[in-house]
Amino acid sequence: MRVLLVSANRERIPDPIFPLGLAYVAAAARQAGHDIAVADLCFGRSPLRDLTTQLRRFRPDLIGLSLRNVDNAAYPLTVDYIDHHRAVVDTLHATSTAPVVLGGSGFSIMPEAYMEAFDGDWGIAGDGESAFVAVLEELAIGADPGDVSGGVGPGTAAVRRGITPRRMAPSAWSGKPWPARDLLDYPRYIRRGGMGNVQTKRGCVFKCSYCTYPLLEGRRFRTRDAGDVVDEIEALMRDYGPHPIFFVDSILNFPRGHIEGICAEILRRGLGVRWSCYATPVKLDRHQAQLMAAAGCEGIELGTDAVDDAQLSRLGKSFSAEVAASANRHCMEAKLRVCQTLIFGAPGETQDSVRSTCRAVRRMNPTAVVAMTGVRLYPGTPLTNSLIQQGRVARHDIGLLPAFYIEPEIRDFLPRYLRQQAVQAGNWVLPGLAAPILPGSQRLLRGLGISGPLWRLLENHWMHRLNRGRFRRPNTSWGVPHPKRKVV
């Protein structure tokens, strides 16, 4: 079959992100013998017009639409992508009679809501490779993919309009075939985004109250062989030239032995690749930090969320404030740049817990701090379920319209205090209160050849001076409410 896969993502701040999930689906469908083309809407001034032209030229038998994010998950500067996604779906149906299969991480978080809001013919929630190929096989013989919702692939469910998807336990994932990067402009993502991306495992065993990773990928880790991961990295360096890599796993340094195996293989081959990742303070000791640094790691985004024991417990974190501080220290001693990521305003948060976390993080002295104001609520997470059971949130409030929770006691205090911290420290980023970076600045920095995560620039004191100016505002209120988000 002739299949057009469409990546709907248009977000390029702080960086454009290569659509890895779509590239995996493209590789699986191509391996199954189908004729695959990709329409990437991330770049270009007239993406819908370009999409129309490609549809008329390629004339697909089936269209797969990847919806990566629902919104930017930042409050109050919330950017909602629903209208853009709806315009893409309308363009597909106005130009082609081919059926449309919805998928992607954004769709998988709330497939029922998307199926109701958009005019998709089918949807795939969860891992897409096996399921999408199964849908193609059913359509090729004139069968209805909705009739095989339980058997289209591990960890997935194919659904028709009005049918609730049934999620299944994910099975092992080998990472093969590798993503079909050749079907997209991967070099452009390297130039504009400063790095490529690789996935080494799926799933998560942790129980953070707000997190969707266990819902999307399963509640256990499914890891790739270290040799296969490094084979892919080596191929990327050969085919596209040396460039930094970001490992997109929810956390790279757990379970124990996984990152150690990858680092050992990188060192054995002498690749000299630069890379960065998300990590957890759990089990991040001196040996692990030094090994990662020796293997080319140049930056770690530590998902600490809070450095207050009571708040860590309420967030469902698996470590204490002391462990968080130790992990940060081990990384800094290993000469790794560290970005601490924090979430303020979750249930139970108080002025004292906010101050406690801020004092502790200031003592850690990381390279950068990214602090989110409020918690984005998604269907099915422990936090959302708890708030609904307590009667503090209505179930119908949780959906495509961005909904955030901020503890009422600190709603007025939080923005003012976080801005004060940002001004004093100079290396804080507050995505909900100030744009992380202007588009022109992002293009300039990447055009100058600056690669890797941009937060690492905050290790420079001259950047502290520039960054402080963004938060010196007399207005410390939440500002004018965005019409397409709400606080619950």
Protein backbone atom coordinates (compact mmCIF):
# COMPACT_ATOMS: atom_id res chain seq x y z
CA MET A 1 0.00 0.00 0.00
CA ARG A 2 0.98 3.61 -0.52
CA VAL A 3 1.24 5.13 2.95
CA LEU A 4 1.80 8.77 3.89
CA LEU A 5 2.93 9.39 7.46
CA VAL A 6 2.37 12.94 8.72
CA SER A 7 4.26 14.50 11.63
CA ALA A 8 2.03 17.31 12.88
CA ASN A 9 4.45 18.84 15.38
CA ARG A 10 5.27 22.51 14.73
CA GLU A 11 6.88 23.40 18.07
CA ARG A 12 10.49 24.57 17.67
CA ILE A 13 11.11 26.14 21.12
CA PRO A 14 13.42 25.46 22.83
CA ASP A 15 14.40 23.19 19.92
CA PRO A 16 12.72 21.32 17.06
CA ILE A 17 12.56 17.62 18.01
CA PHE A 18 13.05 14.90 15.39
CA PRO A 19 9.88 12.71 15.26
CA LEU A 20 11.50 9.49 16.42
CA GLY A 21 8.27 7.57 17.03
CA LEU A 22 7.00 8.27 13.52
CA ALA A 23 10.38 7.24 12.10
CA TYR A 24 10.10 3.91 13.92
CA VAL A 25 6.62 3.32 12.48
CA ALA A 26 7.88 4.26 9.00
CA ALA A 27 10.72 1.74 9.28
CA ALA A 28 8.37 -1.05 10.37
CA ALA A 29 5.87 -0.34 7.57
CA ARG A 30 8.62 -0.14 4.97
CA GLN A 31 10.12 -3.41 6.18
CA ALA A 32 6.66 -4.96 5.73
CA GLY A 33 6.82 -4.05 2.03
CA HIS A 34 4.74 -0.89 1.86
CA ASP A 35 5.57 2.27 -0.11
CA ILE A 36 6.20 4.93 2.56
CA ALA A 37 6.45 8.71 2.30
CA VAL A 38 6.63 11.25 5.12
CA ALA A 39 5.18 14.75 5.40
CA ASP A 40 7.01 16.66 8.14
CA LEU A 41 5.18 19.87 9.08
CA CYS A 42 7.80 21.16 11.54
CA PHE A 43 9.50 23.46 9.05
CA GLY A 44 8.26 25.67 6.26
CA ARG A 45 6.13 28.80 6.15
CA SER A 46 3.03 27.16 4.65
CA PRO A 47 2.89 23.64 6.07
CA LEU A 48 -0.74 22.95 5.17
CA ARG A 49 -0.23 24.08 1.59
CA ASP A 50 2.87 21.88 1.38
CA LEU A 51 0.86 18.98 2.82
CA THR A 52 -1.85 19.47 0.20
CA THR A 53 0.74 19.40 -2.58
CA GLN A 54 2.30 16.20 -1.25
CA LEU A 55 -1.08 14.51 -0.87
CA ARG A 56 -1.98 15.24 -4.49
CA ARG A 57 1.39 14.10 -5.74
CA PHE A 58 1.72 10.91 -3.69
CA ARG A 59 -1.97 9.85 -3.65
CA PRO A 60 -1.77 7.61 -0.56
CA ASP A 61 -3.97 4.62 0.13
CA LEU A 62 -3.72 5.31 3.86
CA ILE A 63 -2.53 8.19 6.03
CA GLY A 64 -0.95 7.93 9.47
CA LEU A 65 -1.04 11.13 11.55
CA SER A 66 1.35 11.45 14.50
CA LEU A 67 0.25 13.81 17.30
CA ARG A 68 3.27 14.25 19.56
CA ASN A 69 2.06 16.71 22.22
CA VAL A 70 -1.30 18.03 23.37
CA ASP A 71 0.20 21.34 24.55
CA ASN A 72 3.44 22.71 26.00
CA ALA A 73 2.42 21.82 29.59
CA ALA A 74 3.47 25.27 30.87
CA TYR A 75 1.34 27.60 32.98
CA PRO A 76 0.33 30.38 32.48
CA LEU A 77 2.15 30.72 29.13
CA THR A 78 0.20 27.77 27.76
CA VAL A 79 0.44 26.92 24.07
CA ASP A 80 -2.39 24.67 22.89
CA TYR A 81 -1.85 22.62 19.71
CA ILE A 82 -5.40 21.34 19.23
CA ASP A 83 -6.48 23.91 16.63
CA HIS A 84 -3.36 23.22 14.57
CA HIS A 85 -3.97 19.46 14.77
CA ARG A 86 -7.60 19.92 13.75
CA ALA A 87 -6.52 22.01 10.74
CA VAL A 88 -4.17 19.21 9.69
CA VAL A 89 -6.95 16.61 9.92
CA ASP A 90 -9.31 18.86 7.95
CA THR A 91 -6.66 19.30 5.24
CA LEU A 92 -6.16 15.55 4.99
CA HIS A 93 -9.89 14.89 4.51
CA ALA A 94 -10.38 17.83 2.15
CA THR A 95 -7.57 16.68 -0.13
CA SER A 96 -7.63 12.88 0.06
CA THR A 97 -10.18 10.11 0.44
CA ALA A 98 -7.60 7.85 2.13
CA PRO A 99 -8.52 6.72 5.67
CA VAL A 100 -6.64 8.43 8.50
CA VAL A 101 -5.06 6.54 11.42
CA LEU A 102 -4.29 8.72 14.46
CA GLY A 103 -1.35 7.92 16.74
CA GLY A 104 1.60 9.34 18.62
CA SER A 105 2.28 10.05 22.29
CA GLY A 106 -0.19 12.95 22.50
CA PHE A 107 -2.97 10.84 21.03
CA SER A 108 -2.08 7.88 23.26
CA ILE A 109 -2.51 9.91 26.45
CA MET A 110 -6.19 10.53 25.72
CA PRO A 111 -7.27 8.56 22.63
CA GLU A 112 -10.99 8.70 23.39
CA ALA A 113 -10.96 12.50 23.51
CA TYR A 114 -9.02 12.75 20.25
CA MET A 115 -11.28 10.27 18.47
CA GLU A 116 -14.30 12.29 19.55
CA ALA A 117 -12.77 15.65 18.60
CA PHE A 118 -11.15 14.66 15.29
CA ASP A 119 -12.50 12.86 12.29
CA GLY A 120 -9.99 10.02 12.30
CA ASP A 121 -10.97 6.66 10.90
CA TRP A 122 -8.86 4.63 13.34
CA GLY A 123 -6.42 5.27 16.15
CA ILE A 124 -3.48 3.45 17.69
CA ALA A 125 -2.77 3.98 21.39
CA GLY A 126 0.68 2.95 22.59
CA ASP A 127 3.58 1.42 20.66
CA GLY A 128 2.82 1.97 17.00
CA GLU A 129 5.13 -0.25 14.97
CA SER A 130 3.37 -3.63 15.11
CA ALA A 131 -0.10 -2.14 15.38
CA PHE A 132 0.24 0.07 12.33
CA VAL A 133 1.55 -2.79 10.19
CA ALA A 134 -1.37 -4.93 11.40
CA VAL A 135 -3.84 -2.21 10.37
CA LEU A 136 -2.25 -2.11 6.91
CA GLU A 137 -2.50 -5.88 6.59
CA GLU A 138 -6.19 -5.87 7.52
CA LEU A 139 -7.01 -3.07 5.11
CA ALA A 140 -5.06 -4.78 2.31
CA ILE A 141 -7.43 -7.77 2.48
CA GLY A 142 -10.53 -5.62 2.91
CA ALA A 143 -10.99 -6.40 6.62
CA ASP A 144 -11.90 -3.93 9.37
CA PRO A 145 -8.92 -3.11 11.65
CA GLY A 146 -11.35 -2.25 14.43
CA ASP A 147 -12.21 -5.94 14.64
CA VAL A 148 -8.69 -6.87 15.72
CA SER A 149 -8.28 -4.35 18.55
CA GLY A 150 -6.97 -7.03 20.87
CA GLY A 151 -4.44 -8.51 18.47
CA VAL A 152 -2.81 -5.71 16.53
CA GLY A 153 0.35 -5.66 18.59
CA PRO A 154 1.72 -5.74 22.12
CA GLY A 155 1.00 -2.66 24.19
CA THR A 156 -1.37 -1.17 21.66
CA ALA A 157 -5.00 -0.99 20.68
CA ALA A 158 -6.44 -0.10 17.29
CA VAL A 159 -9.74 1.71 17.69
CA ARG A 160 -12.48 3.04 15.47
CA ARG A 161 -14.50 6.15 16.18
CA GLY A 162 -16.60 5.66 19.28
CA ILE A 163 -14.71 2.54 20.43
CA THR A 164 -12.72 2.74 23.66
CA PRO A 165 -9.20 1.36 23.13
CA ARG A 166 -8.18 -1.63 25.25
CA ARG A 167 -4.58 -1.37 26.38
CA MET A 168 -2.49 -4.52 26.63
CA ALA A 169 0.69 -5.25 28.56
CA PRO A 170 3.68 -4.23 26.40
CA SER A 171 6.09 -6.98 25.37
CA ALA A 172 9.84 -6.90 24.77
CA TRP A 173 11.13 -4.18 22.44
CA SER A 174 14.36 -4.61 20.50
CA GLY A 175 14.50 -1.20 18.83
CA LYS A 176 14.64 -2.81 15.39
CA PRO A 177 14.30 -1.90 12.67
CA TRP A 178 16.05 1.37 13.47
CA PRO A 179 14.12 4.59 12.76
CA ALA A 180 13.83 5.49 9.06
CA ARG A 181 15.67 8.79 9.40
CA ASP A 182 16.37 8.85 5.67
CA LEU A 183 12.68 9.59 5.00
CA LEU A 184 12.97 12.91 6.87
CA ASP A 185 15.43 15.80 6.89
CA TYR A 186 17.46 14.55 9.84
CA PRO A 187 20.42 16.88 9.09
CA ARG A 188 18.10 19.87 9.42
CA TYR A 189 17.07 18.75 12.89
CA ILE A 190 20.74 18.44 13.82
CA ARG A 191 21.41 21.97 12.57
CA ARG A 192 18.31 23.57 14.10
CA GLY A 193 18.06 21.43 17.22
CA GLY A 194 21.75 21.04 17.93
CA MET A 195 21.60 17.25 18.43
CA GLY A 196 20.13 13.99 17.24
CA ASN A 197 18.08 11.58 19.33
CA VAL A 198 18.18 7.89 20.24
CA GLN A 199 15.89 5.72 22.38
CA THR A 200 17.42 2.86 24.38
CA LYS A 201 14.39 1.57 26.28
CA ARG A 202 10.68 2.01 26.88
CA GLY A 203 8.54 1.84 30.00
CA CYS A 204 9.04 3.03 33.57
CA VAL A 205 8.82 1.27 36.94
CA PHE A 206 8.61 4.45 39.00
CA LYS A 207 5.34 5.85 40.33
CA CYS A 208 5.61 9.62 40.06
CA SER A 209 2.08 10.87 40.72
CA TYR A 210 1.73 13.14 37.67
CA CYS A 211 3.65 11.15 35.04
CA THR A 212 2.21 9.60 31.86
CA TYR A 213 5.21 7.42 30.89
CA PRO A 214 3.84 4.26 32.59
CA LEU A 215 0.53 4.81 30.76
CA LEU A 216 2.24 5.34 27.40
CA GLU A 217 5.00 2.73 27.52
CA GLY A 218 4.09 0.29 30.30
CA ARG A 219 5.09 -0.14 33.93
CA ARG A 220 8.27 -2.11 33.37
CA PHE A 221 11.46 -1.37 31.47
CA ARG A 222 11.99 -2.89 28.03
CA THR A 223 15.65 -2.35 27.26
CA ARG A 224 17.67 -2.67 24.06
CA ASP A 225 20.98 -4.48 23.92
CA ALA A 226 23.87 -2.08 24.55
CA GLY A 227 25.68 -3.24 21.42
CA ASP A 228 22.66 -2.49 19.25
CA VAL A 229 22.30 0.99 20.76
CA VAL A 230 25.94 1.83 20.07
CA ASP A 231 25.70 0.30 16.58
CA GLU A 232 22.95 2.83 15.85
CA ILE A 233 24.99 5.72 17.25
CA GLU A 234 27.99 4.64 15.22
CA ALA A 235 25.85 4.50 12.07
CA LEU A 236 24.53 8.01 12.77
CA MET A 237 28.06 9.38 13.10
CA ARG A 238 29.05 7.65 9.85
CA ASP A 239 25.98 8.69 7.82
CA TYR A 240 25.46 12.23 9.12
CA GLY A 241 28.81 13.25 10.54
CA PRO A 242 29.74 13.74 14.20
CA HIS A 243 26.95 15.36 16.21
CA PRO A 244 25.70 15.27 19.83
CA ILE A 245 23.03 12.76 20.81
CA PHE A 246 20.18 13.16 23.28
CA PHE A 247 18.84 9.92 24.77
CA VAL A 248 15.08 10.39 24.91
CA ASP A 249 14.34 7.67 27.50
CA SER A 250 12.25 8.89 30.43
CA ILE A 251 15.39 8.18 32.49
CA LEU A 252 18.61 6.67 31.12
CA ASN A 253 20.49 5.66 34.30
CA PHE A 254 18.04 3.05 35.58
CA PRO A 255 17.78 0.06 35.87
CA ARG A 256 21.25 -0.55 37.23
CA GLY A 257 23.57 -1.91 34.57
CA HIS A 258 21.77 -0.43 31.56
CA ILE A 259 23.69 2.82 31.15
CA GLU A 260 26.83 1.09 32.40
CA GLY A 261 26.65 -1.34 29.49
CA ILE A 262 26.13 1.44 26.93
CA CYS A 263 29.01 3.50 28.36
CA ALA A 264 31.33 0.49 28.37
CA GLU A 265 30.52 -0.19 24.70
CA ILE A 266 31.08 3.46 23.72
CA LEU A 267 34.46 3.41 25.48
CA ARG A 268 35.44 0.06 24.00
CA ARG A 269 34.87 1.39 20.48
CA GLY A 270 36.46 4.76 21.20
CA LEU A 271 33.55 6.63 19.59
CA GLY A 272 34.14 10.00 21.22
CA VAL A 273 30.43 10.85 20.90
CA ARG A 274 28.97 13.69 23.00
CA TRP A 275 25.60 13.01 24.56
CA SER A 276 23.08 14.09 27.19
CA CYS A 277 20.04 12.54 28.84
CA TYR A 278 17.27 12.57 31.42
CA ALA A 279 18.22 10.87 34.69
CA THR A 280 16.91 10.04 38.15
CA PRO A 281 18.81 10.59 41.42
CA VAL A 282 17.98 6.96 42.33
CA LYS A 283 21.24 4.92 42.34
CA LEU A 284 23.15 7.78 40.71
CA ASP A 285 26.40 7.31 42.62
CA ARG A 286 29.99 8.49 42.08
CA HIS A 287 30.93 5.48 39.91
CA GLN A 288 27.96 5.93 37.58
CA ALA A 289 28.53 9.66 37.18
CA GLN A 290 32.24 9.23 36.44
CA LEU A 291 31.57 6.45 33.94
CA MET A 292 28.98 8.56 32.10
CA ALA A 293 31.40 11.49 31.95
CA ALA A 294 34.20 9.27 30.62
CA ALA A 295 31.86 7.94 27.91
CA GLY A 296 31.09 11.43 26.56
CA CYS A 297 28.11 12.62 28.63
CA GLU A 298 28.09 16.42 28.67
CA GLY A 299 24.83 17.11 30.46
CA ILE A 300 22.19 15.49 32.65
CA GLU A 301 18.66 16.70 33.25
CA LEU A 302 17.88 15.41 36.75
CA GLY A 303 14.18 14.88 37.35
CA THR A 304 14.34 15.80 41.03
CA ASP A 305 11.00 17.71 41.13
CA ALA A 306 11.47 18.79 44.76
CA VAL A 307 14.14 18.75 47.48
CA ASP A 308 11.78 18.52 50.43
CA ASP A 309 11.07 15.07 51.86
CA ALA A 310 7.36 15.66 52.52
CA GLN A 311 6.74 17.00 49.03
CA LEU A 312 8.83 14.25 47.41
CA SER A 313 6.61 11.70 49.16
CA ARG A 314 3.45 13.44 47.98
CA LEU A 315 4.78 13.43 44.40
CA GLY A 316 5.39 9.68 44.58
CA LYS A 317 9.15 10.01 44.18
CA SER A 318 11.42 7.09 45.08
CA PHE A 319 14.19 9.03 46.82
CA SER A 320 14.82 11.52 49.60
CA ALA A 321 16.15 15.07 49.57
CA GLU A 322 19.50 13.73 50.78
CA VAL A 323 19.71 11.33 47.82
CA ALA A 324 18.88 14.17 45.44
CA ALA A 325 21.66 16.32 46.86
CA SER A 326 24.15 13.42 46.71
CA ALA A 327 23.33 12.66 43.07
CA ASN A 328 23.81 16.32 42.15
CA ARG A 329 27.15 16.37 43.98
CA HIS A 330 28.42 13.21 42.27
CA CYS A 331 27.58 14.67 38.85
CA MET A 332 29.25 17.99 39.57
CA GLU A 333 32.37 16.26 40.89
CA ALA A 334 32.51 14.24 37.66
CA LYS A 335 32.46 17.55 35.71
CA LEU A 336 29.00 16.84 34.31
CA ARG A 337 26.72 19.78 33.64
CA VAL A 338 23.48 19.37 35.59
CA CYS A 339 20.05 20.84 34.95
CA GLN A 340 17.72 20.38 37.91
CA THR A 341 14.06 20.13 36.86
CA LEU A 342 11.47 21.09 39.49
CA ILE A 343 7.67 21.10 39.75
CA PHE A 344 5.96 23.49 42.16
CA GLY A 345 2.32 23.70 43.20
CA ALA A 346 1.31 20.03 43.46
CA PRO A 347 -1.19 19.02 46.17
CA GLY A 348 0.19 19.59 49.66
CA GLU A 349 2.75 22.16 48.52
CA THR A 350 3.23 24.97 51.07
CA GLN A 351 5.27 28.13 51.19
CA ASP A 352 7.66 26.32 53.53
CA SER A 353 8.15 23.37 51.10
CA VAL A 354 8.73 25.78 48.21
CA ARG A 355 11.34 27.68 50.22
CA SER A 356 12.93 24.43 51.37
CA THR A 357 13.35 23.17 47.81
CA CYS A 358 14.68 26.49 46.56
CA ARG A 359 17.23 26.77 49.37
CA ALA A 360 18.43 23.22 48.76
CA VAL A 361 18.76 23.69 45.01
CA ARG A 362 20.64 26.95 45.46
CA ARG A 363 23.10 25.09 47.72
CA MET A 364 23.53 22.39 45.05
CA ASN A 365 24.67 25.05 42.58
CA PRO A 366 23.73 23.13 39.40
CA THR A 367 24.44 24.46 35.92
CA ALA A 368 20.78 25.38 35.40
CA VAL A 369 17.35 24.99 36.97
CA VAL A 370 14.08 24.55 35.08
CA ALA A 371 11.11 25.19 37.37
CA MET A 372 7.51 24.51 36.32
CA THR A 373 4.65 26.39 37.99
CA GLY A 374 1.69 24.11 38.48
CA VAL A 375 1.12 20.51 37.42
CA ARG A 376 -0.49 19.57 34.10
CA LEU A 377 -3.23 17.02 34.80
CA TYR A 378 -3.64 14.10 32.40
CA PRO A 379 -6.27 11.34 32.45
CA GLY A 380 -5.30 8.17 34.26
CA THR A 381 -2.34 9.41 36.31
CA PRO A 382 -2.32 8.68 40.07
CA LEU A 383 -2.49 12.41 40.81
CA THR A 384 -5.51 13.01 38.59
CA ASN A 385 -7.31 9.92 39.89
CA SER A 386 -6.68 10.99 43.49
CA LEU A 387 -7.96 14.52 42.93
CA ILE A 388 -11.12 13.16 41.26
CA GLN A 389 -11.73 10.70 44.13
CA GLN A 390 -11.34 13.52 46.65
CA GLY A 391 -13.84 15.65 44.75
CA ARG A 392 -11.27 18.37 44.19
CA VAL A 393 -11.37 17.95 40.40
CA ALA A 394 -14.24 16.99 38.11
CA ARG A 395 -13.52 14.19 35.65
CA HIS A 396 -14.86 16.25 32.75
CA ASP A 397 -12.24 18.94 33.52
CA ILE A 398 -9.43 16.62 32.41
CA GLY A 399 -9.00 16.39 28.66
CA LEU A 400 -7.73 18.17 25.58
CA LEU A 401 -8.22 21.59 27.15
CA PRO A 402 -5.05 22.06 29.26
CA ALA A 403 -5.87 21.76 32.97
CA PHE A 404 -3.36 22.58 35.71
CA TYR A 405 -3.39 22.06 39.46
CA ILE A 406 -1.87 24.69 41.75
CA GLU A 407 -2.30 24.38 45.51
CA PRO A 408 -4.64 27.27 46.42
CA GLU A 409 -2.60 28.29 49.45
CA ILE A 410 0.41 29.27 47.31
CA ARG A 411 -1.25 30.38 44.08
CA ASP A 412 -0.48 34.07 44.63
CA PHE A 413 2.82 33.49 46.41
CA LEU A 414 4.44 31.11 43.92
CA PRO A 415 5.03 33.28 40.81
CA ARG A 416 6.46 36.16 42.82
CA TYR A 417 8.79 33.91 44.80
CA LEU A 418 10.04 31.94 41.79
CA ARG A 419 10.82 35.15 39.92
CA GLN A 420 12.81 36.34 42.92
CA GLN A 421 14.79 33.11 42.87
CA ALA A 422 15.41 33.46 39.13
CA VAL A 423 16.70 37.01 39.52
CA GLN A 424 18.97 36.11 42.41
CA ALA A 425 20.41 32.93 40.91
CA GLY A 426 20.67 33.97 37.27
CA ASN A 427 20.61 30.39 35.97
CA TRP A 428 16.90 29.59 36.39
CA VAL A 429 14.42 29.02 33.56
CA LEU A 430 10.69 29.45 34.30
CA PRO A 431 8.82 28.13 31.23
CA GLY A 432 5.42 29.07 32.64
CA LEU A 433 6.39 32.63 33.53
CA ALA A 434 8.77 33.63 30.74
CA ALA A 435 9.49 32.17 27.32
CA PRO A 436 12.56 29.88 27.63
CA ILE A 437 14.19 31.46 24.57
CA LEU A 438 13.09 33.67 21.71
CA PRO A 439 12.94 32.04 18.26
CA GLY A 440 15.44 34.50 16.81
CA SER A 441 17.91 33.83 19.63
CA GLN A 442 17.52 30.08 19.18
CA ARG A 443 18.24 30.28 15.45
CA LEU A 444 21.22 32.57 16.07
CA LEU A 445 22.80 30.26 18.64
CA ARG A 446 22.35 27.18 16.47
CA GLY A 447 23.57 29.11 13.44
CA LEU A 448 26.77 29.89 15.35
CA GLY A 449 27.34 26.16 15.71
CA ILE A 450 26.37 25.86 19.38
CA SER A 451 25.17 22.29 19.84
CA GLY A 452 23.78 20.26 22.73
CA PRO A 453 21.16 21.42 25.28
CA LEU A 454 20.97 25.22 25.38
CA TRP A 455 20.57 25.27 29.17
CA ARG A 456 24.27 24.43 29.45
CA LEU A 457 25.03 28.00 28.34
CA LEU A 458 23.88 29.11 31.78
CA GLU A 459 27.18 27.92 33.22
CA ASN A 460 28.57 31.24 31.91
CA HIS A 461 28.24 34.18 34.31
CA TRP A 462 27.61 36.62 31.46
CA MET A 463 24.53 34.53 30.63
CA HIS A 464 23.38 34.96 34.24
CA ARG A 465 23.31 38.71 33.76
CA LEU A 466 21.28 38.44 30.57
CA ASN A 467 18.92 35.86 32.07
CA ARG A 468 18.16 37.91 35.20
CA GLY A 469 16.76 40.72 33.09
CA ARG A 470 13.95 38.51 31.81
CA PHE A 471 12.46 38.24 35.31
CA ARG A 472 12.80 41.84 36.53
CA ARG A 473 9.13 42.69 36.19
CA PRO A 474 6.99 44.70 38.61
CA ASN A 475 3.93 42.60 37.76
CA THR A 476 4.05 39.42 39.83
CA SER A 477 0.50 38.24 39.20
CA TRP A 478 -0.37 35.34 36.92
CA GLY A 479 -1.23 37.85 34.22
CA VAL A 480 -4.11 37.63 31.77
CA PRO A 481 -5.61 34.13 31.72
CA HIS A 482 -5.10 32.21 28.52
CA PRO A 483 -8.52 31.46 27.02
CA LYS A 484 -7.57 27.84 26.35
CA ARG A 485 -6.37 26.57 29.71
CA LYS A 486 -7.76 26.36 33.20
CA VAL A 487 -6.63 25.95 36.79
CA VAL A 488 -8.43 23.35 38.91
